Amino acid sequence: MGKHATDVDKAVFLTHLLYVHQAKAARRAGLAKSTATDIKNASAEVQIQYNEKGLPPPTIQEQVEQIKRKKGSGASKKITDKEVIKLMEAYTLNKTQRKKL
């Protein structure tokens, strides 16, 4: 499984894409072909949305901000610091105190 493209990777790819073709831009940015295609398609959608609204063409920064991973992507939820502290306290207490929690 490949790495996820960071915002910097996306910006580098879109910058190279202005001057060279997609395959070369993907190689220079260190992205897989399918990832580069997805970024290019999402960038085109952002440009179309701006055009329909009558706005000037979006900058690369605006395009990168608009291109986000889908919600519900399957990433596991992160545990908060408070939950870690609570778990550590529960683990270190004796048996009767753990039952009370």
Protein backbone atom coordinates (compact mmCIF):
# COMPACT_ATOMS: atom_id res chain seq x y z
CA MET A 1 0.00 0.00 0.00
CA GLY A 2 1.44 3.34 -1.01
CA LYS A 3 1.82 6.45 1.04
CA HIS A 4 -0.83 9.12 1.14
CA ALA A 5 -0.09 12.31 -0.74
CA THR A 6 0.54 15.21 1.60
CA ASP A 7 -0.46 18.77 0.82
CA VAL A 8 3.15 19.51 -0.12
CA ASP A 9 3.20 16.56 -2.55
CA LYS A 10 0.00 17.83 -4.14
CA ALA A 11 1.37 21.35 -4.49
CA VAL A 12 4.62 20.08 -6.02
CA PHE A 13 2.70 17.92 -8.48
CA LEU A 14 0.34 20.72 -9.51
CA THR A 15 3.28 23.10 -9.97
CA HIS A 16 5.17 20.64 -12.17
CA LEU A 17 1.95 19.93 -14.06
CA LEU A 18 1.92 23.53 -15.27
CA TYR A 19 5.18 22.98 -17.16
CA VAL A 20 5.43 19.26 -18.04
CA HIS A 21 3.05 16.41 -18.83
CA GLN A 22 1.36 14.38 -16.11
CA ALA A 23 3.70 11.36 -16.05
CA LYS A 24 6.81 13.51 -15.67
CA ALA A 25 5.14 15.69 -13.02
CA ALA A 26 4.15 12.58 -11.05
CA ARG A 27 7.72 11.24 -11.18
CA ARG A 28 9.17 14.57 -10.03
CA ALA A 29 6.66 14.79 -7.17
CA GLY A 30 7.22 11.13 -6.23
CA LEU A 31 3.58 10.15 -6.67
CA ALA A 32 2.00 7.03 -8.11
CA LYS A 33 0.29 7.36 -11.50
CA SER A 34 -3.18 6.72 -10.08
CA THR A 35 -2.67 9.24 -7.28
CA ALA A 36 -1.50 11.85 -9.77
CA THR A 37 -4.56 11.21 -11.93
CA ASP A 38 -6.87 11.60 -8.91
CA ILE A 39 -5.20 14.88 -7.92
CA LYS A 40 -5.39 16.21 -11.48
CA ASN A 41 -9.10 15.31 -11.76
CA ALA A 42 -9.91 16.87 -8.38
CA SER A 43 -7.97 19.98 -9.37
CA ALA A 44 -9.95 20.22 -12.60
CA GLU A 45 -13.21 20.00 -10.62
CA VAL A 46 -12.08 22.87 -8.38
CA GLN A 47 -11.21 24.96 -11.44
CA ILE A 48 -14.65 24.26 -12.94
CA GLN A 49 -16.39 25.27 -9.69
CA TYR A 50 -14.47 28.55 -9.61
CA ASN A 51 -15.31 29.19 -13.26
CA GLU A 52 -19.03 28.51 -12.70
CA LYS A 53 -19.07 30.97 -9.80
CA GLY A 54 -17.40 33.62 -11.94
CA LEU A 55 -14.29 33.74 -9.77
CA PRO A 56 -10.73 34.10 -11.07
CA PRO A 57 -8.81 30.84 -11.52
CA PRO A 58 -7.82 29.28 -8.18
CA THR A 59 -4.21 29.40 -7.02
CA ILE A 60 -2.33 26.19 -6.35
CA GLN A 61 -2.78 26.76 -2.63
CA GLU A 62 -6.56 27.08 -3.04
CA GLN A 63 -6.64 23.93 -5.16
CA VAL A 64 -4.69 21.95 -2.56
CA GLU A 65 -7.00 23.17 0.21
CA GLN A 66 -10.05 22.06 -1.79
CA ILE A 67 -8.59 18.60 -2.51
CA LYS A 68 -9.10 16.68 0.70
CA ARG A 69 -9.48 13.02 1.53
CA LYS A 70 -13.03 11.75 1.63
CA LYS A 71 -14.83 11.57 4.95
CA GLY A 72 -15.17 8.06 6.26
CA SER A 73 -11.96 6.97 4.59
CA GLY A 74 -11.52 4.11 7.05
CA ALA A 75 -8.83 5.75 9.14
CA SER A 76 -9.05 4.64 12.73
CA LYS A 77 -10.15 7.19 15.28
CA LYS A 78 -7.42 8.74 17.37
CA ILE A 79 -7.40 8.37 21.13
CA THR A 80 -7.24 11.61 23.10
CA ASP A 81 -4.79 12.48 25.87
CA LYS A 82 -7.58 12.42 28.44
CA GLU A 83 -8.53 8.89 27.45
CA VAL A 84 -4.90 7.76 27.71
CA ILE A 85 -4.60 9.23 31.20
CA LYS A 86 -7.87 7.60 32.25
CA LEU A 87 -6.70 4.23 30.92
CA MET A 88 -3.33 4.53 32.67
CA GLU A 89 -5.02 5.44 35.96
CA ALA A 90 -7.43 2.53 35.65
CA TYR A 91 -4.60 0.15 34.84
CA THR A 92 -2.40 1.18 37.76
CA LEU A 93 -5.13 1.16 40.45
CA ASN A 94 -5.88 -1.92 42.51
CA LYS A 95 -8.72 -4.28 41.70
CA THR A 96 -11.42 -2.69 43.89
CA GLN A 97 -10.66 0.81 42.63
CA ARG A 98 -10.77 -0.38 39.00
CA LYS A 99 -14.23 -1.83 39.60
CA LYS A 100 -15.45 1.54 40.87
CA LEU A 101 -14.39 3.21 37.64
